Amino acid sequence: MRIYPEQLQQHIKQQIPNCILIFGDEALLTLEAQDLVKQVAKSQGYLEHFSFSLDGNFEKDEIYSHLQSLSLFSDKKIIGLTLTKTSKENTAFLREIAPLLNDDILLLLQGPKLNNQQLNGAWFKKLESQGLYVAANAPSAQHFPQWVFKRLKSLGLQANKEVIDFLCVHFEGNLLAAKQEFEKLALLYPKQNLTLHQVEQSITTHNHFSVFQWLDSLLAGDKFRSQRILQQLKAEGLELLILSATLSSEVQKLLKLSYQMQHTPLPQLLNQHQPKLWTSKQALMTEALSHVTTQQLEQLLMQCAQLEIDVKVENSSDSWLTLELMSTTFYR
């Protein structure tokens, strides 16, 4: 069963399953989910904890030994495994140990965000059927305000939309900093309805964005968000070539779809796309193709190629301005 971090408590408080999978790209949510599982497991009699990393030289025999050495008088145990990569050897091992799980053993498996192919793998489906899959991914821009609201509420704080929007601008992409600042606000203004003035006086900016968040904001046609992310990436010293190459790759995909749309409906093309696209990604590509023409994409692709040449030859500060102007193609 797939659940989200905020649902974990209610699913394990009565009876913890014998397998919990925690995968995602957000370190804070992953860590908090692990801590909660260990805390609840301890209250339910899981007093031993053994951790292993499934890297190139992990101790198979020792893990098997812990899974098979049961006694009427021994404590229940947690076997914590970190999946560094989904290699054939690792996934085969996970399929092998799945039948060994029982009510005296909790398998706690954690790792980075999985793609659709990995989520549909036999090893994953087998383990998920025996327990819970916690998707510990960073909240999207759409869901981040709700995350902020709930996090403040859990600390006894209230805030109106203006305050929450302000916090979102300053902390999107950096949940750990958000957690620390919110806890500080709870100490400064306990049980209060926060005002914008209080928040402005207290916090410092902790935005941290990725290239892919910038790209998604472009596809969505979100001018304010894409410009804000681009300026932050520039301030962090990200190489312009990385942005240009990422944009060029995405434009090529869109252009191919734009050509194919002349003969095949876009929903069908997106469903047949390989590698398989997340539903959210399909929605973004649909949005982009609804207001960006084939001719504009062709021109944008040529501009990406020229920008790459300009950066390599001149490395001018004007190149950033060029990229900003290119981005306007996606704005609604």
C-alpha atoms as a PDB file:
ATOM      1  CA  MET A   1       0.000   0.000   0.000  1.00  0.00           C
ATOM      2  CA  ARG A   2       1.326   3.427  -0.950  1.00  0.00           C
ATOM      3  CA  ILE A   3       0.988   6.163   1.654  1.00  0.00           C
ATOM      4  CA  TYR A   4       2.505   9.575   2.337  1.00  0.00           C
ATOM      5  CA  PRO A   5       4.622  10.552   5.358  1.00  0.00           C
ATOM      6  CA  GLU A   6       1.756  12.366   7.094  1.00  0.00           C
ATOM      7  CA  GLN A   7      -0.331   9.152   6.935  1.00  0.00           C
ATOM      8  CA  LEU A   8       2.334   6.895   8.428  1.00  0.00           C
ATOM      9  CA  GLN A   9       1.395   7.349  12.097  1.00  0.00           C
ATOM     10  CA  GLN A  10      -2.198   6.201  11.654  1.00  0.00           C
ATOM     11  CA  HIS A  11      -1.160   3.133   9.657  1.00  0.00           C
ATOM     12  CA  ILE A  12       1.344   1.760  12.169  1.00  0.00           C
ATOM     13  CA  LYS A  13       0.098   2.875  15.597  1.00  0.00           C
ATOM     14  CA  GLN A  14      -2.046  -0.231  16.191  1.00  0.00           C
ATOM     15  CA  GLN A  15      -0.037  -2.943  14.439  1.00  0.00           C
ATOM     16  CA  ILE A  16       3.165  -2.348  12.540  1.00  0.00           C
ATOM     17  CA  PRO A  17       3.512  -4.420   9.317  1.00  0.00           C
ATOM     18  CA  ASN A  18       6.535  -6.634   8.737  1.00  0.00           C
ATOM     19  CA  CYS A  19       7.791  -4.535   5.832  1.00  0.00           C
ATOM     20  CA  ILE A  20       8.040  -0.757   5.427  1.00  0.00           C
ATOM     21  CA  LEU A  21       9.589   0.799   2.327  1.00  0.00           C
ATOM     22  CA  ILE A  22      10.672   4.448   2.506  1.00  0.00           C
ATOM     23  CA  PHE A  23      11.796   5.897  -0.817  1.00  0.00           C
ATOM     24  CA  GLY A  24      11.978   9.520  -1.872  1.00  0.00           C
ATOM     25  CA  ASP A  25      14.018  12.574  -2.751  1.00  0.00           C
ATOM     26  CA  GLU A  26      13.383  14.562   0.431  1.00  0.00           C
ATOM     27  CA  ALA A  27      15.918  13.830   3.171  1.00  0.00           C
ATOM     28  CA  LEU A  28      13.898  15.383   5.994  1.00  0.00           C
ATOM     29  CA  LEU A  29      10.749  13.382   5.254  1.00  0.00           C
ATOM     30  CA  THR A  30      12.776  10.190   4.870  1.00  0.00           C
ATOM     31  CA  LEU A  31      14.556  10.724   8.181  1.00  0.00           C
ATOM     32  CA  GLU A  32      11.363  11.621  10.048  1.00  0.00           C
ATOM     33  CA  ALA A  33       9.582   8.567   8.650  1.00  0.00           C
ATOM     34  CA  GLN A  34      12.443   6.302   9.737  1.00  0.00           C
ATOM     35  CA  ASP A  35      12.503   7.797  13.225  1.00  0.00           C
ATOM     36  CA  LEU A  36       8.737   7.372  13.593  1.00  0.00           C
ATOM     37  CA  VAL A  37       8.873   3.737  12.466  1.00  0.00           C
ATOM     38  CA  LYS A  38      11.672   2.952  14.931  1.00  0.00           C
ATOM     39  CA  GLN A  39       9.857   4.700  17.773  1.00  0.00           C
ATOM     40  CA  VAL A  40       6.562   2.890  17.176  1.00  0.00           C
ATOM     41  CA  ALA A  41       8.324  -0.422  16.542  1.00  0.00           C
ATOM     42  CA  LYS A  42      10.137  -0.150  19.874  1.00  0.00           C
ATOM     43  CA  SER A  43       6.822   0.389  21.669  1.00  0.00           C
ATOM     44  CA  GLN A  44       5.554  -2.803  20.016  1.00  0.00           C
ATOM     45  CA  GLY A  45       8.495  -4.941  21.152  1.00  0.00           C
ATOM     46  CA  TYR A  46      11.060  -4.534  18.373  1.00  0.00           C
ATOM     47  CA  LEU A  47      14.055  -3.995  20.646  1.00  0.00           C
ATOM     48  CA  GLU A  48      16.936  -5.070  18.382  1.00  0.00           C
ATOM     49  CA  HIS A  49      18.024  -3.089  15.338  1.00  0.00           C
ATOM     50  CA  PHE A  50      20.545  -4.149  12.699  1.00  0.00           C
ATOM     51  CA  SER A  51      21.500  -1.934   9.750  1.00  0.00           C
ATOM     52  CA  PHE A  52      23.069  -2.843   6.408  1.00  0.00           C
ATOM     53  CA  SER A  53      23.799  -1.037   3.161  1.00  0.00           C
ATOM     54  CA  LEU A  54      23.133  -2.959  -0.043  1.00  0.00           C
ATOM     55  CA  ASP A  55      26.269  -1.808  -1.804  1.00  0.00           C
ATOM     56  CA  GLY A  56      28.720  -3.860  -3.835  1.00  0.00           C
ATOM     57  CA  ASN A  57      29.970  -5.895  -0.855  1.00  0.00           C
ATOM     58  CA  PHE A  58      27.070  -6.191   1.546  1.00  0.00           C
ATOM     59  CA  GLU A  59      26.927  -9.023   4.084  1.00  0.00           C
ATOM     60  CA  LYS A  60      24.336 -11.406   2.629  1.00  0.00           C
ATOM     61  CA  ASP A  61      25.104 -14.210   5.047  1.00  0.00           C
ATOM     62  CA  GLU A  62      24.781 -11.969   8.092  1.00  0.00           C
ATOM     63  CA  ILE A  63      21.426 -10.628   6.900  1.00  0.00           C
ATOM     64  CA  TYR A  64      20.165 -14.161   6.246  1.00  0.00           C
ATOM     65  CA  SER A  65      21.341 -15.146   9.717  1.00  0.00           C
ATOM     66  CA  HIS A  66      19.316 -12.370  11.356  1.00  0.00           C
ATOM     67  CA  LEU A  67      16.251 -13.271   9.303  1.00  0.00           C
ATOM     68  CA  GLN A  68      16.411 -16.963  10.210  1.00  0.00           C
ATOM     69  CA  SER A  69      17.671 -16.932  13.809  1.00  0.00           C
ATOM     70  CA  LEU A  70      14.393 -16.822  15.695  1.00  0.00           C
ATOM     71  CA  SER A  71      13.818 -17.937  19.249  1.00  0.00           C
ATOM     72  CA  LEU A  72      10.846 -18.051  21.565  1.00  0.00           C
ATOM     73  CA  PHE A  73      12.813 -15.910  24.018  1.00  0.00           C
ATOM     74  CA  SER A  74      14.472 -13.422  21.652  1.00  0.00           C
ATOM     75  CA  ASP A  75      13.336  -9.859  21.067  1.00  0.00           C
ATOM     76  CA  LYS A  76      11.645  -8.807  17.898  1.00  0.00           C
ATOM     77  CA  LYS A  77      14.102  -7.150  15.550  1.00  0.00           C
ATOM     78  CA  ILE A  78      14.316  -4.450  12.886  1.00  0.00           C
ATOM     79  CA  ILE A  79      16.441  -5.214   9.841  1.00  0.00           C
ATOM     80  CA  GLY A  80      17.295  -1.857   8.289  1.00  0.00           C
ATOM     81  CA  LEU A  81      18.494  -1.958   4.687  1.00  0.00           C
ATOM     82  CA  THR A  82      19.658   0.990   2.589  1.00  0.00           C
ATOM     83  CA  LEU A  83      19.234   0.361  -1.129  1.00  0.00           C
ATOM     84  CA  THR A  84      21.934   2.411  -2.823  1.00  0.00           C
ATOM     85  CA  LYS A  85      21.052   1.210  -6.319  1.00  0.00           C
ATOM     86  CA  THR A  86      18.520  -1.185  -7.847  1.00  0.00           C
ATOM     87  CA  SER A  87      21.021  -3.536  -9.457  1.00  0.00           C
ATOM     88  CA  LYS A  88      20.044  -7.053 -10.542  1.00  0.00           C
ATOM     89  CA  GLU A  89      21.995  -8.496  -7.619  1.00  0.00           C
ATOM     90  CA  ASN A  90      20.283  -6.251  -5.066  1.00  0.00           C
ATOM     91  CA  THR A  91      16.752  -6.747  -6.378  1.00  0.00           C
ATOM     92  CA  ALA A  92      17.270 -10.518  -6.667  1.00  0.00           C
ATOM     93  CA  PHE A  93      18.377 -10.560  -3.020  1.00  0.00           C
ATOM     94  CA  LEU A  94      15.276  -8.608  -1.966  1.00  0.00           C
ATOM     95  CA  ARG A  95      13.037 -11.098  -3.773  1.00  0.00           C
ATOM     96  CA  GLU A  96      14.816 -13.940  -1.973  1.00  0.00           C
ATOM     97  CA  ILE A  97      14.347 -12.538   1.521  1.00  0.00           C
ATOM     98  CA  ALA A  98      10.695 -11.522   1.082  1.00  0.00           C
ATOM     99  CA  PRO A  99       9.356 -14.999   2.061  1.00  0.00           C
ATOM    100  CA  LEU A 100      11.477 -14.936   5.244  1.00  0.00           C
ATOM    101  CA  LEU A 101       9.654 -11.980   6.770  1.00  0.00           C
ATOM    102  CA  ASN A 102       7.340 -12.684   9.700  1.00  0.00           C
ATOM    103  CA  ASP A 103       5.700 -10.999  12.673  1.00  0.00           C
ATOM    104  CA  ASP A 104       8.951 -11.023  14.672  1.00  0.00           C
ATOM    105  CA  ILE A 105      10.920  -9.177  11.975  1.00  0.00           C
ATOM    106  CA  LEU A 106      10.399  -5.696  10.586  1.00  0.00           C
ATOM    107  CA  LEU A 107      12.193  -5.015   7.328  1.00  0.00           C
ATOM    108  CA  LEU A 108      12.834  -1.271   7.025  1.00  0.00           C
ATOM    109  CA  LEU A 109      14.065  -0.593   3.498  1.00  0.00           C
ATOM    110  CA  GLN A 110      14.974   2.935   2.429  1.00  0.00           C
ATOM    111  CA  GLY A 111      16.525   4.589  -0.598  1.00  0.00           C
ATOM    112  CA  PRO A 112      16.251   7.389  -3.174  1.00  0.00           C
ATOM    113  CA  LYS A 113      13.184   8.162  -5.253  1.00  0.00           C
ATOM    114  CA  LEU A 114      12.143   5.305  -7.550  1.00  0.00           C
ATOM    115  CA  ASN A 115      11.008   5.675 -11.144  1.00  0.00           C
ATOM    116  CA  ASN A 116       7.963   3.951 -12.640  1.00  0.00           C
ATOM    117  CA  GLN A 117       9.978   1.007 -13.917  1.00  0.00           C
ATOM    118  CA  GLN A 118      11.428   0.371 -10.462  1.00  0.00           C
ATOM    119  CA  LEU A 119       8.033   0.753  -8.792  1.00  0.00           C
ATOM    120  CA  ASN A 120       6.669  -1.907 -11.132  1.00  0.00           C
ATOM    121  CA  GLY A 121       9.570  -4.284 -10.509  1.00  0.00           C
ATOM    122  CA  ALA A 122       8.793  -7.739  -9.116  1.00  0.00           C
ATOM    123  CA  TRP A 123      10.965  -7.136  -6.032  1.00  0.00           C
ATOM    124  CA  PHE A 124       9.105  -3.931  -5.155  1.00  0.00           C
ATOM    125  CA  LYS A 125       5.613  -5.293  -5.730  1.00  0.00           C
ATOM    126  CA  LYS A 126       6.418  -8.354  -3.625  1.00  0.00           C
ATOM    127  CA  LEU A 127       7.622  -6.297  -0.662  1.00  0.00           C
ATOM    128  CA  GLU A 128       4.921  -3.639  -0.981  1.00  0.00           C
ATOM    129  CA  SER A 129       2.246  -6.353  -0.855  1.00  0.00           C
ATOM    130  CA  GLN A 130       3.585  -7.337   2.573  1.00  0.00           C
ATOM    131  CA  GLY A 131       3.532  -3.866   4.086  1.00  0.00           C
ATOM    132  CA  LEU A 132       3.665  -0.144   3.381  1.00  0.00           C
ATOM    133  CA  TYR A 133       5.420   2.053   0.849  1.00  0.00           C
ATOM    134  CA  VAL A 134       6.050   5.582   2.141  1.00  0.00           C
ATOM    135  CA  ALA A 135       6.614   8.032  -0.735  1.00  0.00           C
ATOM    136  CA  ALA A 136       8.920  10.566   0.934  1.00  0.00           C
ATOM    137  CA  ASN A 137       9.122  13.045  -1.922  1.00  0.00           C
ATOM    138  CA  ALA A 138       9.362  16.824  -1.688  1.00  0.00           C
ATOM    139  CA  PRO A 139       5.941  18.489  -1.894  1.00  0.00           C
ATOM    140  CA  SER A 140       5.183  20.044  -5.265  1.00  0.00           C
ATOM    141  CA  ALA A 141       4.738  23.804  -5.543  1.00  0.00           C
ATOM    142  CA  GLN A 142       0.982  23.202  -5.557  1.00  0.00           C
ATOM    143  CA  HIS A 143       1.030  21.192  -2.319  1.00  0.00           C
ATOM    144  CA  PHE A 144       3.776  23.060  -0.466  1.00  0.00           C
ATOM    145  CA  PRO A 145       1.404  25.643   1.127  1.00  0.00           C
ATOM    146  CA  GLN A 146      -0.587  22.793   2.685  1.00  0.00           C
ATOM    147  CA  TRP A 147       2.639  21.242   3.991  1.00  0.00           C
ATOM    148  CA  VAL A 148       3.602  24.577   5.574  1.00  0.00           C
ATOM    149  CA  PHE A 149       0.132  24.970   7.120  1.00  0.00           C
ATOM    150  CA  LYS A 150       0.191  21.479   8.653  1.00  0.00           C
ATOM    151  CA  ARG A 151       3.748  21.854   9.923  1.00  0.00           C
ATOM    152  CA  LEU A 152       2.889  25.141  11.653  1.00  0.00           C
ATOM    153  CA  LYS A 153      -0.295  23.641  13.098  1.00  0.00           C
ATOM    154  CA  SER A 154       1.673  20.716  14.549  1.00  0.00           C
ATOM    155  CA  LEU A 155       3.768  23.299  16.421  1.00  0.00           C
ATOM    156  CA  GLY A 156       0.701  25.091  17.774  1.00  0.00           C
ATOM    157  CA  LEU A 157       0.968  27.993  15.328  1.00  0.00           C
ATOM    158  CA  GLN A 158      -1.585  29.530  12.986  1.00  0.00           C
ATOM    159  CA  ALA A 159      -1.049  31.686   9.914  1.00  0.00           C
ATOM    160  CA  ASN A 160      -3.159  33.304   7.216  1.00  0.00           C
ATOM    161  CA  LYS A 161      -2.667  32.869   3.477  1.00  0.00           C
ATOM    162  CA  GLU A 162      -0.395  35.907   3.181  1.00  0.00           C
ATOM    163  CA  VAL A 163       2.016  34.538   5.792  1.00  0.00           C
ATOM    164  CA  ILE A 164       1.958  31.028   4.327  1.00  0.00           C
ATOM    165  CA  ASP A 165       2.644  32.364   0.831  1.00  0.00           C
ATOM    166  CA  PHE A 166       5.574  34.355   2.214  1.00  0.00           C
ATOM    167  CA  LEU A 167       6.984  31.255   3.906  1.00  0.00           C
ATOM    168  CA  CYS A 168       6.565  29.235   0.712  1.00  0.00           C
ATOM    169  CA  VAL A 169       8.593  31.752  -1.273  1.00  0.00           C
ATOM    170  CA  HIS A 170      11.427  31.582   1.250  1.00  0.00           C
ATOM    171  CA  PHE A 171      11.531  27.858   1.974  1.00  0.00           C
ATOM    172  CA  GLU A 172      10.365  25.964  -1.092  1.00  0.00           C
ATOM    173  CA  GLY A 173      12.895  23.272  -1.904  1.00  0.00           C
ATOM    174  CA  ASN A 174      14.502  23.297   1.549  1.00  0.00           C
ATOM    175  CA  LEU A 175      12.304  21.478   4.042  1.00  0.00           C
ATOM    176  CA  LEU A 176      15.054  21.055   6.617  1.00  0.00           C
ATOM    177  CA  ALA A 177      15.556  24.824   6.854  1.00  0.00           C
ATOM    178  CA  ALA A 178      11.773  25.271   6.997  1.00  0.00           C
ATOM    179  CA  LYS A 179      11.538  22.834   9.905  1.00  0.00           C
ATOM    180  CA  GLN A 180      14.272  24.647  11.828  1.00  0.00           C
ATOM    181  CA  GLU A 181      12.784  28.098  11.236  1.00  0.00           C
ATOM    182  CA  PHE A 182       9.256  26.994  12.139  1.00  0.00           C
ATOM    183  CA  GLU A 183      10.518  25.539  15.396  1.00  0.00           C
ATOM    184  CA  LYS A 184      12.231  28.863  16.100  1.00  0.00           C
ATOM    185  CA  LEU A 185       8.968  30.702  15.397  1.00  0.00           C
ATOM    186  CA  ALA A 186       7.188  28.381  17.830  1.00  0.00           C
ATOM    187  CA  LEU A 187       9.667  29.372  20.543  1.00  0.00           C
ATOM    188  CA  LEU A 188       9.413  33.087  19.765  1.00  0.00           C
ATOM    189  CA  TYR A 189       5.630  33.218  19.366  1.00  0.00           C
ATOM    190  CA  PRO A 190       4.166  30.166  21.158  1.00  0.00           C
ATOM    191  CA  LYS A 191       0.529  29.315  20.362  1.00  0.00           C
ATOM    192  CA  GLN A 192       0.111  32.507  18.334  1.00  0.00           C
ATOM    193  CA  ASN A 193      -1.489  33.459  15.053  1.00  0.00           C
ATOM    194  CA  LEU A 194       1.612  34.606  13.175  1.00  0.00           C
ATOM    195  CA  THR A 195       1.652  38.004  11.509  1.00  0.00           C
ATOM    196  CA  LEU A 196       3.623  38.854   8.403  1.00  0.00           C
ATOM    197  CA  HIS A 197       5.693  41.343  10.405  1.00  0.00           C
ATOM    198  CA  GLN A 198       6.684  38.673  12.949  1.00  0.00           C
ATOM    199  CA  VAL A 199       7.718  36.265  10.212  1.00  0.00           C
ATOM    200  CA  GLU A 200       9.643  38.876   8.224  1.00  0.00           C
ATOM    201  CA  GLN A 201      11.582  39.875  11.336  1.00  0.00           C
ATOM    202  CA  SER A 202      12.465  36.290  12.167  1.00  0.00           C
ATOM    203  CA  ILE A 203      13.352  34.356   9.062  1.00  0.00           C
ATOM    204  CA  THR A 204      16.163  34.356   6.546  1.00  0.00           C
ATOM    205  CA  THR A 205      15.923  33.063   3.004  1.00  0.00           C
ATOM    206  CA  HIS A 206      16.693  29.370   2.544  1.00  0.00           C
ATOM    207  CA  ASN A 207      15.419  28.576  -0.947  1.00  0.00           C
ATOM    208  CA  HIS A 208      17.087  25.684  -2.659  1.00  0.00           C
ATOM    209  CA  PHE A 209      15.926  24.729  -6.118  1.00  0.00           C
ATOM    210  CA  SER A 210      16.926  22.175  -8.723  1.00  0.00           C
ATOM    211  CA  VAL A 211      17.258  22.537 -12.486  1.00  0.00           C
ATOM    212  CA  PHE A 212      14.232  20.288 -12.875  1.00  0.00           C
ATOM    213  CA  GLN A 213      12.048  22.523 -10.711  1.00  0.00           C
ATOM    214  CA  TRP A 214      12.994  25.413 -12.995  1.00  0.00           C
ATOM    215  CA  LEU A 215      12.140  23.315 -16.028  1.00  0.00           C
ATOM    216  CA  ASP A 216       8.767  22.293 -14.576  1.00  0.00           C
ATOM    217  CA  SER A 217       7.906  25.920 -13.856  1.00  0.00           C
ATOM    218  CA  LEU A 218       8.689  26.768 -17.491  1.00  0.00           C
ATOM    219  CA  LEU A 219       6.463  23.987 -18.798  1.00  0.00           C
ATOM    220  CA  ALA A 220       3.686  25.222 -16.526  1.00  0.00           C
ATOM    221  CA  GLY A 221       4.091  28.725 -17.952  1.00  0.00           C
ATOM    222  CA  ASP A 222       4.659  30.137 -14.453  1.00  0.00           C
ATOM    223  CA  LYS A 223       6.602  33.348 -15.111  1.00  0.00           C
ATOM    224  CA  PHE A 224       7.098  34.458 -11.498  1.00  0.00           C
ATOM    225  CA  ARG A 225       8.217  31.067 -10.227  1.00  0.00           C
ATOM    226  CA  SER A 226      10.557  30.281 -13.138  1.00  0.00           C
ATOM    227  CA  GLN A 227      12.265  33.682 -12.883  1.00  0.00           C
ATOM    228  CA  ARG A 228      12.677  33.305  -9.126  1.00  0.00           C
ATOM    229  CA  ILE A 229      14.206  29.843  -9.465  1.00  0.00           C
ATOM    230  CA  LEU A 230      16.501  30.951 -12.288  1.00  0.00           C
ATOM    231  CA  GLN A 231      17.823  33.863 -10.234  1.00  0.00           C
ATOM    232  CA  GLN A 232      18.425  31.560  -7.277  1.00  0.00           C
ATOM    233  CA  LEU A 233      20.303  29.030  -9.412  1.00  0.00           C
ATOM    234  CA  LYS A 234      22.406  31.845 -10.853  1.00  0.00           C
ATOM    235  CA  ALA A 235      23.196  33.139  -7.356  1.00  0.00           C
ATOM    236  CA  GLU A 236      24.258  29.639  -6.300  1.00  0.00           C
ATOM    237  CA  GLY A 237      26.767  29.561  -9.157  1.00  0.00           C
ATOM    238  CA  LEU A 238      25.151  26.864 -11.262  1.00  0.00           C
ATOM    239  CA  GLU A 239      26.777  26.591 -14.685  1.00  0.00           C
ATOM    240  CA  LEU A 240      24.687  28.073 -17.451  1.00  0.00           C
ATOM    241  CA  LEU A 241      25.584  25.173 -19.740  1.00  0.00           C
ATOM    242  CA  ILE A 242      23.727  22.775 -17.443  1.00  0.00           C
ATOM    243  CA  LEU A 243      20.563  24.847 -17.730  1.00  0.00           C
ATOM    244  CA  SER A 244      20.953  25.255 -21.480  1.00  0.00           C
ATOM    245  CA  ALA A 245      21.535  21.533 -22.040  1.00  0.00           C
ATOM    246  CA  THR A 246      18.571  20.590 -19.845  1.00  0.00           C
ATOM    247  CA  LEU A 247      16.301  23.024 -21.656  1.00  0.00           C
ATOM    248  CA  SER A 248      17.530  21.818 -25.056  1.00  0.00           C
ATOM    249  CA  SER A 249      16.790  18.200 -24.144  1.00  0.00           C
ATOM    250  CA  GLU A 250      13.254  19.069 -23.032  1.00  0.00           C
ATOM    251  CA  VAL A 251      12.581  21.181 -26.126  1.00  0.00           C
ATOM    252  CA  GLN A 252      13.625  18.247 -28.320  1.00  0.00           C
ATOM    253  CA  LYS A 253      11.077  16.024 -26.574  1.00  0.00           C
ATOM    254  CA  LEU A 254       8.355  18.637 -26.956  1.00  0.00           C
ATOM    255  CA  LEU A 255       9.209  19.210 -30.604  1.00  0.00           C
ATOM    256  CA  LYS A 256       9.016  15.501 -31.354  1.00  0.00           C
ATOM    257  CA  LEU A 257       5.598  15.334 -29.702  1.00  0.00           C
ATOM    258  CA  SER A 258       4.500  18.442 -31.584  1.00  0.00           C
ATOM    259  CA  TYR A 259       5.338  16.788 -34.909  1.00  0.00           C
ATOM    260  CA  GLN A 260       3.605  13.541 -33.909  1.00  0.00           C
ATOM    261  CA  MET A 261       0.475  15.409 -32.773  1.00  0.00           C
ATOM    262  CA  GLN A 262      -0.325  16.059 -36.420  1.00  0.00           C
ATOM    263  CA  HIS A 263      -1.279  12.383 -36.738  1.00  0.00           C
ATOM    264  CA  THR A 264      -1.849  11.099 -33.181  1.00  0.00           C
ATOM    265  CA  PRO A 265      -3.711  12.626 -30.192  1.00  0.00           C
ATOM    266  CA  LEU A 266      -1.369  13.948 -27.502  1.00  0.00           C
ATOM    267  CA  PRO A 267      -2.839  11.860 -24.613  1.00  0.00           C
ATOM    268  CA  GLN A 268      -2.110   8.705 -26.602  1.00  0.00           C
ATOM    269  CA  LEU A 269       1.445   9.852 -27.340  1.00  0.00           C
ATOM    270  CA  LEU A 270       2.103  10.616 -23.676  1.00  0.00           C
ATOM    271  CA  ASN A 271       0.707   7.272 -22.515  1.00  0.00           C
ATOM    272  CA  GLN A 272       2.922   5.447 -25.010  1.00  0.00           C
ATOM    273  CA  HIS A 273       6.027   7.499 -24.190  1.00  0.00           C
ATOM    274  CA  GLN A 274       9.176   5.579 -23.294  1.00  0.00           C
ATOM    275  CA  PRO A 275      10.493   5.866 -20.691  1.00  0.00           C
ATOM    276  CA  LYS A 276       7.073   6.138 -19.048  1.00  0.00           C
ATOM    277  CA  LEU A 277       6.164   9.616 -17.820  1.00  0.00           C
ATOM    278  CA  TRP A 278       4.735  10.476 -14.411  1.00  0.00           C
ATOM    279  CA  THR A 279       1.163  11.782 -14.552  1.00  0.00           C
ATOM    280  CA  SER A 280       2.363  15.170 -13.281  1.00  0.00           C
ATOM    281  CA  LYS A 281       4.958  15.336 -16.062  1.00  0.00           C
ATOM    282  CA  GLN A 282       2.332  14.477 -18.665  1.00  0.00           C
ATOM    283  CA  ALA A 283       0.208  17.354 -17.382  1.00  0.00           C
ATOM    284  CA  LEU A 284       3.123  19.793 -17.639  1.00  0.00           C
ATOM    285  CA  MET A 285       3.971  18.743 -21.193  1.00  0.00           C
ATOM    286  CA  THR A 286       0.313  19.024 -22.163  1.00  0.00           C
ATOM    287  CA  GLU A 287       0.207  22.531 -20.724  1.00  0.00           C
ATOM    288  CA  ALA A 288       3.345  23.588 -22.600  1.00  0.00           C
ATOM    289  CA  LEU A 289       2.145  22.193 -25.921  1.00  0.00           C
ATOM    290  CA  SER A 290      -1.185  23.967 -25.516  1.00  0.00           C
ATOM    291  CA  HIS A 291       0.378  27.405 -25.958  1.00  0.00           C
ATOM    292  CA  VAL A 292       3.830  26.881 -27.533  1.00  0.00           C
ATOM    293  CA  THR A 293       3.781  26.277 -31.284  1.00  0.00           C
ATOM    294  CA  THR A 294       5.941  23.948 -33.356  1.00  0.00           C
ATOM    295  CA  GLN A 295       7.610  26.954 -34.966  1.00  0.00           C
ATOM    296  CA  GLN A 296       8.446  28.444 -31.559  1.00  0.00           C
ATOM    297  CA  LEU A 297       9.965  25.146 -30.425  1.00  0.00           C
ATOM    298  CA  GLU A 298      12.085  24.926 -33.576  1.00  0.00           C
ATOM    299  CA  GLN A 299      13.345  28.447 -32.981  1.00  0.00           C
ATOM    300  CA  LEU A 300      13.993  27.716 -29.309  1.00  0.00           C
ATOM    301  CA  LEU A 301      16.054  24.648 -30.194  1.00  0.00           C
ATOM    302  CA  MET A 302      18.276  26.731 -32.482  1.00  0.00           C
ATOM    303  CA  GLN A 303      18.631  29.355 -29.750  1.00  0.00           C
ATOM    304  CA  CYS A 304      19.750  26.667 -27.273  1.00  0.00           C
ATOM    305  CA  ALA A 305      22.463  25.541 -29.691  1.00  0.00           C
ATOM    306  CA  GLN A 306      23.630  29.128 -30.243  1.00  0.00           C
ATOM    307  CA  LEU A 307      23.597  29.848 -26.511  1.00  0.00           C
ATOM    308  CA  GLU A 308      25.836  26.852 -25.871  1.00  0.00           C
ATOM    309  CA  ILE A 309      28.336  28.163 -28.433  1.00  0.00           C
ATOM    310  CA  ASP A 310      28.231  31.674 -26.967  1.00  0.00           C
ATOM    311  CA  VAL A 311      28.823  30.416 -23.435  1.00  0.00           C
ATOM    312  CA  LYS A 312      31.780  28.259 -24.462  1.00  0.00           C
ATOM    313  CA  VAL A 313      33.384  30.979 -26.592  1.00  0.00           C
ATOM    314  CA  GLU A 314      32.607  34.224 -24.767  1.00  0.00           C
ATOM    315  CA  ASN A 315      31.193  33.247 -21.358  1.00  0.00           C
ATOM    316  CA  SER A 316      29.455  36.625 -21.285  1.00  0.00           C
ATOM    317  CA  SER A 317      27.108  37.740 -18.535  1.00  0.00           C
ATOM    318  CA  ASP A 318      24.686  38.568 -21.343  1.00  0.00           C
ATOM    319  CA  SER A 319      24.166  34.820 -21.767  1.00  0.00           C
ATOM    320  CA  TRP A 320      22.011  34.764 -18.638  1.00  0.00           C
ATOM    321  CA  LEU A 321      19.844  37.502 -20.102  1.00  0.00           C
ATOM    322  CA  THR A 322      19.580  35.481 -23.310  1.00  0.00           C
ATOM    323  CA  LEU A 323      18.346  32.472 -21.341  1.00  0.00           C
ATOM    324  CA  GLU A 324      15.779  34.631 -19.546  1.00  0.00           C
ATOM    325  CA  LEU A 325      14.504  35.915 -22.884  1.00  0.00           C
ATOM    326  CA  MET A 326      14.335  32.372 -24.264  1.00  0.00           C
ATOM    327  CA  SER A 327      12.268  31.377 -21.243  1.00  0.00           C
ATOM    328  CA  THR A 328       9.543  33.854 -22.177  1.00  0.00           C
ATOM    329  CA  THR A 329       8.511  31.483 -24.977  1.00  0.00           C
ATOM    330  CA  PHE A 330       6.775  29.340 -22.362  1.00  0.00           C
ATOM    331  CA  TYR A 331       4.982  32.128 -20.509  1.00  0.00           C
ATOM    332  CA  ARG A 332       1.237  32.253 -20.931  1.00  0.00           C
END
